[in-house]
Amino acid sequence: MKKLITVTVLLFLIIPNLSAQNDTEKDGLIKQILMVEQHQREQVQTVTFDAEYIEGEDKDGEFVEKIRFDKKISVKYLEDTALFHEEFLAFYKEGELQEEKKLKDEAKDRKEKKEKRKAKDISYSMLEPFHDTALYTIDYLGIANDSIEGYICHHFKVEAKEEDPDLINGNFYFDSESFQLVRVDFQPAKLVKKMMFKMKEFNMSILFAPTDENFWFPKQFDIAGKGKAMFFIGVKFAGTEYYRNPQVNVEIPDELFAPEDKD
């Protein structure tokens, strides 16, 4: 009996120490990750991308393209935020290039919907949960079992403490050598449900890759969802945006980011 009591006491002493060790390791990794992010923000004032967005539906397990846009995306980083601008260059519907008027109408409609939904874009820092830990629970799950895009990665699981559509839940994978974010798979902490459309699933994933100068930027953004429109029609949708040819610290006039006139 005395031996059993001694072993039990030892277990109570060891378990908290293991937990404390894990928290110390997690905090150290997060500190390094945020330092790396800050270092890049100090070096990068602007970046532009050639972008291509493809949207379609999942029909019988096969992706069917419906629309495609060619775009030019510009981002300007300020001290505590970033400015974003996208220019729609070409619009394809079911593979056919559309006329200029349809391009302008579609671009205007999408920009207005984005503003109403307060949708985030690639100027938003995906590391926001690591900055605002009061809103999130962050668990460090160790080295990921599989390589991510060819990188050995630290795996973090992030969960919002409240069901809020402005917050996210997700899995973050950071390169174990550079501490750069390689991939994040995430969902809104709360799905938006409106009278005419109820979202049942909405999954997103962003892949990041280094430039020749070793700056890391998004290279692919995938979305996929399921919803119910008009209370009876099931909808599956998917889209992918590709970011190519990043140009760092090019001159971008401030006027480009001015609010656009609404006709």
C-alpha atoms as a PDB file:
ATOM      1  CA  MET A   1       0.000   0.000   0.000  1.00  0.00           C
ATOM      2  CA  LYS A   2       2.797   2.408   0.875  1.00  0.00           C
ATOM      3  CA  LYS A   3       4.494   1.652  -2.481  1.00  0.00           C
ATOM      4  CA  LEU A   4       1.243   2.344  -4.376  1.00  0.00           C
ATOM      5  CA  ILE A   5       0.820   5.706  -2.628  1.00  0.00           C
ATOM      6  CA  THR A   6       4.398   6.660  -3.480  1.00  0.00           C
ATOM      7  CA  VAL A   7       3.897   5.820  -7.203  1.00  0.00           C
ATOM      8  CA  THR A   8       0.636   7.800  -7.294  1.00  0.00           C
ATOM      9  CA  VAL A   9       2.290  10.861  -5.762  1.00  0.00           C
ATOM     10  CA  LEU A  10       5.124  10.621  -8.292  1.00  0.00           C
ATOM     11  CA  LEU A  11       2.623  10.514 -11.176  1.00  0.00           C
ATOM     12  CA  PHE A  12       0.910  13.667  -9.919  1.00  0.00           C
ATOM     13  CA  LEU A  13       4.309  15.361  -9.811  1.00  0.00           C
ATOM     14  CA  ILE A  14       5.390  14.213 -13.289  1.00  0.00           C
ATOM     15  CA  ILE A  15       2.185  14.981 -15.255  1.00  0.00           C
ATOM     16  CA  PRO A  16       2.095  18.719 -14.445  1.00  0.00           C
ATOM     17  CA  ASN A  17       5.787  18.953 -15.301  1.00  0.00           C
ATOM     18  CA  LEU A  18       5.163  17.361 -18.731  1.00  0.00           C
ATOM     19  CA  SER A  19       2.321  19.784 -19.323  1.00  0.00           C
ATOM     20  CA  ALA A  20       4.511  22.707 -18.329  1.00  0.00           C
ATOM     21  CA  GLN A  21       7.252  21.485 -20.664  1.00  0.00           C
ATOM     22  CA  ASN A  22       4.790  21.300 -23.561  1.00  0.00           C
ATOM     23  CA  ASP A  23       3.503  24.825 -22.836  1.00  0.00           C
ATOM     24  CA  THR A  24       7.064  26.138 -22.709  1.00  0.00           C
ATOM     25  CA  GLU A  25       7.879  24.495 -26.053  1.00  0.00           C
ATOM     26  CA  LYS A  26       4.654  25.805 -27.600  1.00  0.00           C
ATOM     27  CA  ASP A  27       5.259  29.356 -26.357  1.00  0.00           C
ATOM     28  CA  GLY A  28       8.841  29.278 -27.649  1.00  0.00           C
ATOM     29  CA  LEU A  29       7.738  28.114 -31.104  1.00  0.00           C
ATOM     30  CA  ILE A  30       4.991  30.734 -31.312  1.00  0.00           C
ATOM     31  CA  LYS A  31       7.462  33.442 -30.324  1.00  0.00           C
ATOM     32  CA  GLN A  32       9.825  32.324 -33.094  1.00  0.00           C
ATOM     33  CA  ILE A  33       6.981  32.165 -35.647  1.00  0.00           C
ATOM     34  CA  LEU A  34       5.851  35.707 -34.851  1.00  0.00           C
ATOM     35  CA  MET A  35       9.439  37.007 -35.005  1.00  0.00           C
ATOM     36  CA  VAL A  36       9.817  35.516 -38.490  1.00  0.00           C
ATOM     37  CA  GLU A  37       6.534  37.098 -39.597  1.00  0.00           C
ATOM     38  CA  GLN A  38       7.600  40.490 -38.202  1.00  0.00           C
ATOM     39  CA  HIS A  39      10.990  40.268 -39.921  1.00  0.00           C
ATOM     40  CA  GLN A  40       9.336  39.742 -43.307  1.00  0.00           C
ATOM     41  CA  ARG A  41       6.843  42.553 -42.698  1.00  0.00           C
ATOM     42  CA  GLU A  42       9.752  44.908 -42.013  1.00  0.00           C
ATOM     43  CA  GLN A  43      11.403  43.962 -45.317  1.00  0.00           C
ATOM     44  CA  VAL A  44       8.345  43.876 -47.576  1.00  0.00           C
ATOM     45  CA  GLN A  45       6.510  47.120 -48.267  1.00  0.00           C
ATOM     46  CA  THR A  46       4.532  45.991 -51.307  1.00  0.00           C
ATOM     47  CA  VAL A  47       3.872  42.879 -53.379  1.00  0.00           C
ATOM     48  CA  THR A  48       1.942  42.250 -56.583  1.00  0.00           C
ATOM     49  CA  PHE A  49       0.699  38.969 -58.050  1.00  0.00           C
ATOM     50  CA  ASP A  50      -0.670  37.699 -61.325  1.00  0.00           C
ATOM     51  CA  ALA A  51      -3.735  35.762 -60.175  1.00  0.00           C
ATOM     52  CA  GLU A  52      -6.183  33.309 -61.670  1.00  0.00           C
ATOM     53  CA  TYR A  53      -9.446  32.372 -59.983  1.00  0.00           C
ATOM     54  CA  ILE A  54     -11.425  29.297 -61.089  1.00  0.00           C
ATOM     55  CA  GLU A  55     -14.867  28.503 -59.709  1.00  0.00           C
ATOM     56  CA  GLY A  56     -17.167  25.586 -60.342  1.00  0.00           C
ATOM     57  CA  GLU A  57     -19.345  22.837 -58.942  1.00  0.00           C
ATOM     58  CA  ASP A  58     -18.754  19.317 -57.757  1.00  0.00           C
ATOM     59  CA  LYS A  59     -20.995  17.109 -59.910  1.00  0.00           C
ATOM     60  CA  ASP A  60     -20.894  13.382 -59.267  1.00  0.00           C
ATOM     61  CA  GLY A  61     -17.420  13.668 -57.802  1.00  0.00           C
ATOM     62  CA  GLU A  62     -16.040  15.648 -60.760  1.00  0.00           C
ATOM     63  CA  PHE A  63     -15.150  19.332 -60.740  1.00  0.00           C
ATOM     64  CA  VAL A  64     -16.873  21.288 -63.508  1.00  0.00           C
ATOM     65  CA  GLU A  65     -15.511  24.766 -64.238  1.00  0.00           C
ATOM     66  CA  LYS A  66     -18.171  27.474 -64.504  1.00  0.00           C
ATOM     67  CA  ILE A  67     -16.247  30.747 -64.432  1.00  0.00           C
ATOM     68  CA  ARG A  68     -12.666  31.959 -64.478  1.00  0.00           C
ATOM     69  CA  PHE A  69     -11.012  35.332 -63.885  1.00  0.00           C
ATOM     70  CA  ASP A  70      -7.558  36.661 -64.674  1.00  0.00           C
ATOM     71  CA  LYS A  71      -6.588  39.316 -62.109  1.00  0.00           C
ATOM     72  CA  LYS A  72      -3.802  41.558 -60.915  1.00  0.00           C
ATOM     73  CA  ILE A  73      -3.513  41.758 -57.129  1.00  0.00           C
ATOM     74  CA  SER A  74      -1.605  44.430 -55.220  1.00  0.00           C
ATOM     75  CA  VAL A  75      -0.891  44.549 -51.480  1.00  0.00           C
ATOM     76  CA  LYS A  76       0.710  47.385 -49.532  1.00  0.00           C
ATOM     77  CA  TYR A  77       1.810  46.711 -45.958  1.00  0.00           C
ATOM     78  CA  LEU A  78       1.485  49.401 -43.320  1.00  0.00           C
ATOM     79  CA  GLU A  79       2.582  49.284 -39.674  1.00  0.00           C
ATOM     80  CA  ASP A  80      -0.491  47.489 -38.318  1.00  0.00           C
ATOM     81  CA  THR A  81      -2.577  46.654 -41.383  1.00  0.00           C
ATOM     82  CA  ALA A  82      -2.371  46.083 -45.133  1.00  0.00           C
ATOM     83  CA  LEU A  83      -4.088  47.614 -48.142  1.00  0.00           C
ATOM     84  CA  PHE A  84      -5.514  45.369 -50.864  1.00  0.00           C
ATOM     85  CA  HIS A  85      -6.519  45.947 -54.460  1.00  0.00           C
ATOM     86  CA  GLU A  86      -7.553  43.529 -57.184  1.00  0.00           C
ATOM     87  CA  GLU A  87      -8.008  44.378 -60.838  1.00  0.00           C
ATOM     88  CA  PHE A  88     -10.172  42.046 -62.918  1.00  0.00           C
ATOM     89  CA  LEU A  89      -8.514  41.650 -66.319  1.00  0.00           C
ATOM     90  CA  ALA A  90     -10.514  38.921 -68.067  1.00  0.00           C
ATOM     91  CA  PHE A  91     -13.698  36.925 -67.450  1.00  0.00           C
ATOM     92  CA  TYR A  92     -14.429  33.463 -68.864  1.00  0.00           C
ATOM     93  CA  LYS A  93     -17.768  31.689 -68.577  1.00  0.00           C
ATOM     94  CA  GLU A  94     -17.832  27.989 -69.376  1.00  0.00           C
ATOM     95  CA  GLY A  95     -14.523  28.464 -71.179  1.00  0.00           C
ATOM     96  CA  GLU A  96     -15.644  31.387 -73.347  1.00  0.00           C
ATOM     97  CA  LEU A  97     -14.033  34.824 -72.991  1.00  0.00           C
ATOM     98  CA  GLN A  98     -16.728  37.374 -72.112  1.00  0.00           C
ATOM     99  CA  GLU A  99     -17.063  40.926 -73.373  1.00  0.00           C
ATOM    100  CA  GLU A 100     -15.742  43.922 -71.430  1.00  0.00           C
ATOM    101  CA  LYS A 101     -19.164  44.981 -70.101  1.00  0.00           C
ATOM    102  CA  LYS A 102     -19.818  41.552 -68.576  1.00  0.00           C
ATOM    103  CA  LEU A 103     -16.339  41.623 -67.016  1.00  0.00           C
ATOM    104  CA  LYS A 104     -17.031  45.001 -65.397  1.00  0.00           C
ATOM    105  CA  ASP A 105     -20.492  43.981 -64.170  1.00  0.00           C
ATOM    106  CA  GLU A 106     -19.218  40.733 -62.691  1.00  0.00           C
ATOM    107  CA  ALA A 107     -16.234  42.453 -61.038  1.00  0.00           C
ATOM    108  CA  LYS A 108     -18.474  45.114 -59.494  1.00  0.00           C
ATOM    109  CA  ASP A 109     -20.912  42.491 -58.182  1.00  0.00           C
ATOM    110  CA  ARG A 110     -18.153  40.425 -56.588  1.00  0.00           C
ATOM    111  CA  LYS A 111     -16.511  43.423 -54.935  1.00  0.00           C
ATOM    112  CA  GLU A 112     -19.861  44.525 -53.469  1.00  0.00           C
ATOM    113  CA  LYS A 113     -20.581  41.025 -52.121  1.00  0.00           C
ATOM    114  CA  LYS A 114     -17.111  40.841 -50.599  1.00  0.00           C
ATOM    115  CA  GLU A 115     -17.696  44.167 -48.831  1.00  0.00           C
ATOM    116  CA  LYS A 116     -21.111  43.073 -47.492  1.00  0.00           C
ATOM    117  CA  ARG A 117     -19.756  39.783 -46.207  1.00  0.00           C
ATOM    118  CA  LYS A 118     -16.629  41.441 -44.781  1.00  0.00           C
ATOM    119  CA  ALA A 119     -14.707  38.669 -46.470  1.00  0.00           C
ATOM    120  CA  LYS A 120     -10.977  38.434 -45.807  1.00  0.00           C
ATOM    121  CA  ASP A 121      -8.349  38.354 -48.543  1.00  0.00           C
ATOM    122  CA  ILE A 122      -4.642  37.531 -48.684  1.00  0.00           C
ATOM    123  CA  SER A 123      -3.726  40.874 -47.119  1.00  0.00           C
ATOM    124  CA  TYR A 124      -5.136  39.472 -43.854  1.00  0.00           C
ATOM    125  CA  SER A 125      -2.495  37.838 -41.669  1.00  0.00           C
ATOM    126  CA  MET A 126      -3.386  34.194 -41.099  1.00  0.00           C
ATOM    127  CA  LEU A 127      -1.293  34.392 -37.924  1.00  0.00           C
ATOM    128  CA  GLU A 128      -3.897  36.611 -36.267  1.00  0.00           C
ATOM    129  CA  PRO A 129      -4.927  33.802 -33.826  1.00  0.00           C
ATOM    130  CA  PHE A 130      -1.325  33.627 -32.604  1.00  0.00           C
ATOM    131  CA  HIS A 131      -1.344  37.369 -31.950  1.00  0.00           C
ATOM    132  CA  ASP A 132      -4.701  37.399 -30.155  1.00  0.00           C
ATOM    133  CA  THR A 133      -4.525  34.310 -27.942  1.00  0.00           C
ATOM    134  CA  ALA A 134      -7.304  35.635 -25.686  1.00  0.00           C
ATOM    135  CA  LEU A 135      -9.772  34.675 -28.409  1.00  0.00           C
ATOM    136  CA  TYR A 136      -8.282  31.267 -29.233  1.00  0.00           C
ATOM    137  CA  THR A 137      -7.142  27.982 -27.744  1.00  0.00           C
ATOM    138  CA  ILE A 138      -3.896  26.898 -29.405  1.00  0.00           C
ATOM    139  CA  ASP A 139      -2.556  23.352 -29.050  1.00  0.00           C
ATOM    140  CA  TYR A 140       0.835  22.228 -30.281  1.00  0.00           C
ATOM    141  CA  LEU A 141       0.540  18.707 -31.734  1.00  0.00           C
ATOM    142  CA  GLY A 142       4.221  18.152 -32.469  1.00  0.00           C
ATOM    143  CA  ILE A 143       5.786  17.353 -35.832  1.00  0.00           C
ATOM    144  CA  ALA A 144       3.184  16.447 -38.458  1.00  0.00           C
ATOM    145  CA  ASN A 145       3.114  12.758 -39.387  1.00  0.00           C
ATOM    146  CA  ASP A 146       3.352  13.499 -43.103  1.00  0.00           C
ATOM    147  CA  SER A 147       5.433  16.093 -44.910  1.00  0.00           C
ATOM    148  CA  ILE A 148       3.509  19.173 -46.055  1.00  0.00           C
ATOM    149  CA  GLU A 149       4.449  20.307 -49.563  1.00  0.00           C
ATOM    150  CA  GLY A 150       7.771  18.533 -49.035  1.00  0.00           C
ATOM    151  CA  TYR A 151       8.486  20.266 -45.696  1.00  0.00           C
ATOM    152  CA  ILE A 152       8.778  18.771 -42.211  1.00  0.00           C
ATOM    153  CA  CYS A 153       6.327  20.868 -40.230  1.00  0.00           C
ATOM    154  CA  HIS A 154       5.235  21.827 -36.735  1.00  0.00           C
ATOM    155  CA  HIS A 155       1.487  21.246 -36.370  1.00  0.00           C
ATOM    156  CA  PHE A 156      -0.754  23.579 -34.375  1.00  0.00           C
ATOM    157  CA  LYS A 157      -4.490  23.226 -33.841  1.00  0.00           C
ATOM    158  CA  VAL A 158      -6.394  26.487 -33.352  1.00  0.00           C
ATOM    159  CA  GLU A 159      -9.941  26.760 -31.997  1.00  0.00           C
ATOM    160  CA  ALA A 160     -11.925  29.921 -31.354  1.00  0.00           C
ATOM    161  CA  LYS A 161     -13.233  30.276 -27.819  1.00  0.00           C
ATOM    162  CA  GLU A 162     -16.518  31.657 -29.150  1.00  0.00           C
ATOM    163  CA  GLU A 163     -18.734  30.767 -32.094  1.00  0.00           C
ATOM    164  CA  ASP A 164     -18.171  33.901 -34.118  1.00  0.00           C
ATOM    165  CA  PRO A 165     -18.171  34.145 -37.960  1.00  0.00           C
ATOM    166  CA  ASP A 166     -15.226  36.577 -37.749  1.00  0.00           C
ATOM    167  CA  LEU A 167     -13.061  33.946 -36.010  1.00  0.00           C
ATOM    168  CA  ILE A 168     -11.676  30.688 -37.385  1.00  0.00           C
ATOM    169  CA  ASN A 169     -10.888  27.103 -36.435  1.00  0.00           C
ATOM    170  CA  GLY A 170      -7.997  25.447 -38.203  1.00  0.00           C
ATOM    171  CA  ASN A 171      -4.823  23.425 -38.496  1.00  0.00           C
ATOM    172  CA  PHE A 172      -1.574  25.319 -39.107  1.00  0.00           C
ATOM    173  CA  TYR A 173       1.631  23.780 -40.460  1.00  0.00           C
ATOM    174  CA  PHE A 174       4.946  25.645 -40.107  1.00  0.00           C
ATOM    175  CA  ASP A 175       8.257  24.658 -41.685  1.00  0.00           C
ATOM    176  CA  SER A 176      10.460  23.311 -38.879  1.00  0.00           C
ATOM    177  CA  GLU A 177      13.559  25.110 -40.213  1.00  0.00           C
ATOM    178  CA  SER A 178      12.329  28.540 -41.324  1.00  0.00           C
ATOM    179  CA  PHE A 179       9.218  28.733 -39.061  1.00  0.00           C
ATOM    180  CA  GLN A 180       7.263  30.018 -42.063  1.00  0.00           C
ATOM    181  CA  LEU A 181       3.624  29.035 -42.549  1.00  0.00           C
ATOM    182  CA  VAL A 182       3.411  26.344 -45.241  1.00  0.00           C
ATOM    183  CA  ARG A 183      -0.287  25.467 -45.129  1.00  0.00           C
ATOM    184  CA  VAL A 184      -3.377  26.339 -43.149  1.00  0.00           C
ATOM    185  CA  ASP A 185      -6.675  24.430 -43.359  1.00  0.00           C
ATOM    186  CA  PHE A 186      -9.485  26.371 -41.716  1.00  0.00           C
ATOM    187  CA  GLN A 187     -13.211  27.071 -41.364  1.00  0.00           C
ATOM    188  CA  PRO A 188     -15.244  29.922 -39.896  1.00  0.00           C
ATOM    189  CA  ALA A 189     -15.934  29.377 -36.202  1.00  0.00           C
ATOM    190  CA  LYS A 190     -19.599  29.923 -37.051  1.00  0.00           C
ATOM    191  CA  LEU A 191     -21.292  29.406 -40.415  1.00  0.00           C
ATOM    192  CA  VAL A 192     -23.462  32.190 -41.734  1.00  0.00           C
ATOM    193  CA  LYS A 193     -27.100  31.202 -42.147  1.00  0.00           C
ATOM    194  CA  LYS A 194     -29.454  33.513 -43.987  1.00  0.00           C
ATOM    195  CA  MET A 195     -33.123  33.152 -44.848  1.00  0.00           C
ATOM    196  CA  MET A 196     -32.554  32.163 -48.475  1.00  0.00           C
ATOM    197  CA  PHE A 197     -29.298  30.268 -48.032  1.00  0.00           C
ATOM    198  CA  LYS A 198     -27.905  28.102 -45.262  1.00  0.00           C
ATOM    199  CA  MET A 199     -24.253  27.124 -45.318  1.00  0.00           C
ATOM    200  CA  LYS A 200     -23.664  23.572 -44.104  1.00  0.00           C
ATOM    201  CA  GLU A 201     -19.923  23.304 -44.757  1.00  0.00           C
ATOM    202  CA  PHE A 202     -17.266  25.837 -45.711  1.00  0.00           C
ATOM    203  CA  ASN A 203     -13.649  24.669 -45.829  1.00  0.00           C
ATOM    204  CA  MET A 204     -10.653  26.708 -46.921  1.00  0.00           C
ATOM    205  CA  SER A 205      -6.977  25.982 -47.399  1.00  0.00           C
ATOM    206  CA  ILE A 206      -4.047  28.265 -48.238  1.00  0.00           C
ATOM    207  CA  LEU A 207      -0.657  27.056 -49.445  1.00  0.00           C
ATOM    208  CA  PHE A 208       2.425  29.253 -49.087  1.00  0.00           C
ATOM    209  CA  ALA A 209       5.774  29.091 -50.899  1.00  0.00           C
ATOM    210  CA  PRO A 210       9.087  31.016 -50.874  1.00  0.00           C
ATOM    211  CA  THR A 211      10.283  33.384 -53.585  1.00  0.00           C
ATOM    212  CA  ASP A 212      13.850  33.443 -54.865  1.00  0.00           C
ATOM    213  CA  GLU A 213      14.536  36.106 -52.211  1.00  0.00           C
ATOM    214  CA  ASN A 214      13.100  33.692 -49.597  1.00  0.00           C
ATOM    215  CA  PHE A 215       9.972  35.716 -48.874  1.00  0.00           C
ATOM    216  CA  TRP A 216       6.953  33.509 -48.262  1.00  0.00           C
ATOM    217  CA  PHE A 217       3.623  34.386 -49.895  1.00  0.00           C
ATOM    218  CA  PRO A 218       0.367  32.573 -50.701  1.00  0.00           C
ATOM    219  CA  LYS A 219       0.524  30.502 -53.868  1.00  0.00           C
ATOM    220  CA  GLN A 220      -2.900  28.804 -53.802  1.00  0.00           C
ATOM    221  CA  PHE A 221      -6.194  29.400 -52.007  1.00  0.00           C
ATOM    222  CA  ASP A 222      -8.840  26.649 -52.134  1.00  0.00           C
ATOM    223  CA  ILE A 223     -12.438  26.883 -50.981  1.00  0.00           C
ATOM    224  CA  ALA A 224     -15.138  24.218 -50.931  1.00  0.00           C
ATOM    225  CA  GLY A 225     -18.584  24.285 -49.440  1.00  0.00           C
ATOM    226  CA  LYS A 226     -22.048  22.823 -49.231  1.00  0.00           C
ATOM    227  CA  GLY A 227     -25.227  24.755 -48.732  1.00  0.00           C
ATOM    228  CA  LYS A 228     -28.952  24.722 -49.132  1.00  0.00           C
ATOM    229  CA  ALA A 229     -30.555  27.414 -51.251  1.00  0.00           C
ATOM    230  CA  MET A 230     -34.268  28.276 -51.218  1.00  0.00           C
ATOM    231  CA  PHE A 231     -34.744  25.613 -48.508  1.00  0.00           C
ATOM    232  CA  PHE A 232     -34.736  22.695 -50.944  1.00  0.00           C
ATOM    233  CA  ILE A 233     -31.916  22.941 -53.505  1.00  0.00           C
ATOM    234  CA  GLY A 234     -28.607  21.417 -52.412  1.00  0.00           C
ATOM    235  CA  VAL A 235     -25.528  23.309 -53.606  1.00  0.00           C
ATOM    236  CA  LYS A 236     -21.911  22.204 -53.746  1.00  0.00           C
ATOM    237  CA  PHE A 237     -19.300  24.734 -54.804  1.00  0.00           C
ATOM    238  CA  ALA A 238     -15.547  24.983 -55.053  1.00  0.00           C
ATOM    239  CA  GLY A 239     -13.009  27.541 -56.149  1.00  0.00           C
ATOM    240  CA  THR A 240      -9.256  27.920 -56.391  1.00  0.00           C
ATOM    241  CA  GLU A 241      -7.176  31.071 -56.743  1.00  0.00           C
ATOM    242  CA  TYR A 242      -3.581  30.813 -57.894  1.00  0.00           C
ATOM    243  CA  TYR A 243      -0.983  33.522 -57.169  1.00  0.00           C
ATOM    244  CA  ARG A 244       1.964  33.712 -59.539  1.00  0.00           C
ATOM    245  CA  ASN A 245       4.968  35.915 -60.317  1.00  0.00           C
ATOM    246  CA  PRO A 246       5.161  37.814 -56.995  1.00  0.00           C
ATOM    247  CA  GLN A 247       6.949  41.155 -57.405  1.00  0.00           C
ATOM    248  CA  VAL A 248       8.275  42.565 -54.126  1.00  0.00           C
ATOM    249  CA  ASN A 249       8.679  46.241 -53.239  1.00  0.00           C
ATOM    250  CA  VAL A 250       7.500  47.598 -56.569  1.00  0.00           C
ATOM    251  CA  GLU A 251       6.164  51.151 -56.632  1.00  0.00           C
ATOM    252  CA  ILE A 252       2.380  51.187 -56.143  1.00  0.00           C
ATOM    253  CA  PRO A 253       0.551  54.552 -56.107  1.00  0.00           C
ATOM    254  CA  ASP A 254      -1.628  55.175 -53.040  1.00  0.00           C
ATOM    255  CA  GLU A 255      -4.488  56.166 -55.355  1.00  0.00           C
ATOM    256  CA  LEU A 256      -4.862  52.514 -56.326  1.00  0.00           C
ATOM    257  CA  PHE A 257      -6.198  51.723 -52.845  1.00  0.00           C
ATOM    258  CA  ALA A 258      -8.663  54.621 -52.698  1.00  0.00           C
ATOM    259  CA  PRO A 259     -12.351  53.589 -52.376  1.00  0.00           C
ATOM    260  CA  GLU A 260     -13.906  53.086 -55.787  1.00  0.00           C
ATOM    261  CA  ASP A 261     -16.783  55.242 -56.953  1.00  0.00           C
ATOM    262  CA  LYS A 262     -20.103  53.416 -56.906  1.00  0.00           C
ATOM    263  CA  ASP A 263     -22.282  54.169 -59.889  1.00  0.00           C
END
